[in-house]
Amino acid sequence: MYLTSESKKDIFKEHGGSEKNTGVSESQIALFTTRINHLTEHLKVNKKDHGTEKALMTMVGKRKQLLNYLKMYDIERYRAIIAKLGLRK
């Protein structure tokens, strides 16, 4: 599998403060971004995989909801995560 538990722990440690802090918005956004990037590469090769395309659109929507939440409550953390992950906004 492309996303092992060790790689998830690294993502949570880098963006959430510790590997057990999985509920922070930044760590969830980073995890969604990793999964979105993986599915985007998969869809470049497998253009007719419509199930994966639907899952990708669902993840993009969830990440957008988390980003909107973060923007509404703490604009500085929002700007920091956008810059760190290199997202367009």
C-alpha atoms as a PDB file:
ATOM      1  CA  MET A   1       0.000   0.000   0.000  1.00  0.00           C
ATOM      2  CA  TYR A   2       1.209   3.485  -0.783  1.00  0.00           C
ATOM      3  CA  LEU A   3       0.384   4.976   2.627  1.00  0.00           C
ATOM      4  CA  THR A   4       1.805   2.903   5.457  1.00  0.00           C
ATOM      5  CA  SER A   5       1.255   3.602   9.126  1.00  0.00           C
ATOM      6  CA  GLU A   6       4.831   4.913   9.403  1.00  0.00           C
ATOM      7  CA  SER A   7       4.256   7.436   6.621  1.00  0.00           C
ATOM      8  CA  LYS A   8       0.993   8.545   8.274  1.00  0.00           C
ATOM      9  CA  LYS A   9       2.847   9.006  11.560  1.00  0.00           C
ATOM     10  CA  ASP A  10       5.440  11.127   9.765  1.00  0.00           C
ATOM     11  CA  ILE A  11       2.703  13.302   8.250  1.00  0.00           C
ATOM     12  CA  PHE A  12       1.001  13.750  11.624  1.00  0.00           C
ATOM     13  CA  LYS A  13       4.324  14.473  13.332  1.00  0.00           C
ATOM     14  CA  GLU A  14       5.295  17.093  10.747  1.00  0.00           C
ATOM     15  CA  HIS A  15       1.951  18.890  10.545  1.00  0.00           C
ATOM     16  CA  GLY A  16       0.191  18.097  13.811  1.00  0.00           C
ATOM     17  CA  GLY A  17       2.934  18.402  16.373  1.00  0.00           C
ATOM     18  CA  SER A  18       3.078  14.726  17.383  1.00  0.00           C
ATOM     19  CA  GLU A  19       2.273  11.427  15.736  1.00  0.00           C
ATOM     20  CA  LYS A  20      -0.677  10.837  18.055  1.00  0.00           C
ATOM     21  CA  ASN A  21      -2.272  14.217  17.309  1.00  0.00           C
ATOM     22  CA  THR A  22      -4.383  13.101  14.343  1.00  0.00           C
ATOM     23  CA  GLY A  23      -7.314  15.436  14.876  1.00  0.00           C
ATOM     24  CA  VAL A  24      -5.618  18.741  14.084  1.00  0.00           C
ATOM     25  CA  SER A  25      -6.942  20.299  10.887  1.00  0.00           C
ATOM     26  CA  GLU A  26      -3.457  20.778   9.454  1.00  0.00           C
ATOM     27  CA  SER A  27      -2.590  17.097   9.778  1.00  0.00           C
ATOM     28  CA  GLN A  28      -5.895  16.019   8.231  1.00  0.00           C
ATOM     29  CA  ILE A  29      -5.409  18.445   5.336  1.00  0.00           C
ATOM     30  CA  ALA A  30      -1.863  17.143   4.797  1.00  0.00           C
ATOM     31  CA  LEU A  31      -3.113  13.546   4.788  1.00  0.00           C
ATOM     32  CA  PHE A  32      -5.854  14.375   2.286  1.00  0.00           C
ATOM     33  CA  THR A  33      -3.293  16.181   0.100  1.00  0.00           C
ATOM     34  CA  THR A  34      -1.028  13.120   0.081  1.00  0.00           C
ATOM     35  CA  ARG A  35      -3.922  10.854  -0.871  1.00  0.00           C
ATOM     36  CA  ILE A  36      -5.156  13.313  -3.535  1.00  0.00           C
ATOM     37  CA  ASN A  37      -1.701  13.503  -5.119  1.00  0.00           C
ATOM     38  CA  HIS A  38      -1.487   9.704  -5.222  1.00  0.00           C
ATOM     39  CA  LEU A  39      -4.912   9.335  -6.838  1.00  0.00           C
ATOM     40  CA  THR A  40      -4.118  12.074  -9.352  1.00  0.00           C
ATOM     41  CA  GLU A  41      -1.038  10.151 -10.500  1.00  0.00           C
ATOM     42  CA  HIS A  42      -3.116   6.956 -10.686  1.00  0.00           C
ATOM     43  CA  LEU A  43      -5.726   8.659 -12.864  1.00  0.00           C
ATOM     44  CA  LYS A  44      -3.080   9.949 -15.269  1.00  0.00           C
ATOM     45  CA  VAL A  45      -2.323   6.313 -16.145  1.00  0.00           C
ATOM     46  CA  ASN A  46      -5.838   4.842 -15.757  1.00  0.00           C
ATOM     47  CA  LYS A  47      -8.111   7.378 -17.411  1.00  0.00           C
ATOM     48  CA  LYS A  48     -11.239   5.215 -17.338  1.00  0.00           C
ATOM     49  CA  ASP A  49     -11.179   4.432 -13.613  1.00  0.00           C
ATOM     50  CA  HIS A  50     -14.374   6.270 -12.734  1.00  0.00           C
ATOM     51  CA  GLY A  51     -14.624   4.894  -9.193  1.00  0.00           C
ATOM     52  CA  THR A  52     -11.276   6.375  -8.305  1.00  0.00           C
ATOM     53  CA  GLU A  53     -12.278   9.635  -9.956  1.00  0.00           C
ATOM     54  CA  LYS A  54     -15.365   9.842  -7.736  1.00  0.00           C
ATOM     55  CA  ALA A  55     -13.272   9.083  -4.642  1.00  0.00           C
ATOM     56  CA  LEU A  56     -10.833  11.804  -5.670  1.00  0.00           C
ATOM     57  CA  MET A  57     -13.618  14.374  -6.009  1.00  0.00           C
ATOM     58  CA  THR A  58     -14.959  13.381  -2.579  1.00  0.00           C
ATOM     59  CA  MET A  59     -11.521  13.848  -0.990  1.00  0.00           C
ATOM     60  CA  VAL A  60     -11.052  17.215  -2.676  1.00  0.00           C
ATOM     61  CA  GLY A  61     -14.407  18.316  -1.250  1.00  0.00           C
ATOM     62  CA  LYS A  62     -13.498  17.160   2.264  1.00  0.00           C
ATOM     63  CA  ARG A  63     -10.145  18.936   2.090  1.00  0.00           C
ATOM     64  CA  LYS A  64     -11.905  22.103   0.910  1.00  0.00           C
ATOM     65  CA  GLN A  65     -14.311  21.923   3.871  1.00  0.00           C
ATOM     66  CA  LEU A  66     -11.385  21.613   6.290  1.00  0.00           C
ATOM     67  CA  LEU A  67      -9.589  24.515   4.614  1.00  0.00           C
ATOM     68  CA  ASN A  68     -12.722  26.669   4.815  1.00  0.00           C
ATOM     69  CA  TYR A  69     -13.087  25.816   8.511  1.00  0.00           C
ATOM     70  CA  LEU A  70      -9.476  26.721   9.181  1.00  0.00           C
ATOM     71  CA  LYS A  71      -9.772  29.966   7.197  1.00  0.00           C
ATOM     72  CA  MET A  72     -12.868  30.983   9.144  1.00  0.00           C
ATOM     73  CA  TYR A  73     -11.409  30.358  12.611  1.00  0.00           C
ATOM     74  CA  ASP A  74      -7.660  30.956  12.281  1.00  0.00           C
ATOM     75  CA  ILE A  75      -6.438  32.723   9.145  1.00  0.00           C
ATOM     76  CA  GLU A  76      -2.750  32.532  10.124  1.00  0.00           C
ATOM     77  CA  ARG A  77      -2.794  28.722  10.436  1.00  0.00           C
ATOM     78  CA  TYR A  78      -4.670  28.594   7.113  1.00  0.00           C
ATOM     79  CA  ARG A  79      -2.037  30.690   5.356  1.00  0.00           C
ATOM     80  CA  ALA A  80       0.755  28.617   6.894  1.00  0.00           C
ATOM     81  CA  ILE A  81      -0.679  25.266   5.732  1.00  0.00           C
ATOM     82  CA  ILE A  82      -1.388  26.622   2.228  1.00  0.00           C
ATOM     83  CA  ALA A  83       2.218  27.800   1.931  1.00  0.00           C
ATOM     84  CA  LYS A  84       3.672  24.616   3.428  1.00  0.00           C
ATOM     85  CA  LEU A  85       1.742  22.247   1.160  1.00  0.00           C
ATOM     86  CA  GLY A  86       1.962  24.465  -1.905  1.00  0.00           C
ATOM     87  CA  LEU A  87      -1.794  24.549  -2.538  1.00  0.00           C
ATOM     88  CA  ARG A  88      -3.409  27.080  -4.858  1.00  0.00           C
ATOM     89  CA  LYS A  89      -5.847  29.437  -3.206  1.00  0.00           C
END
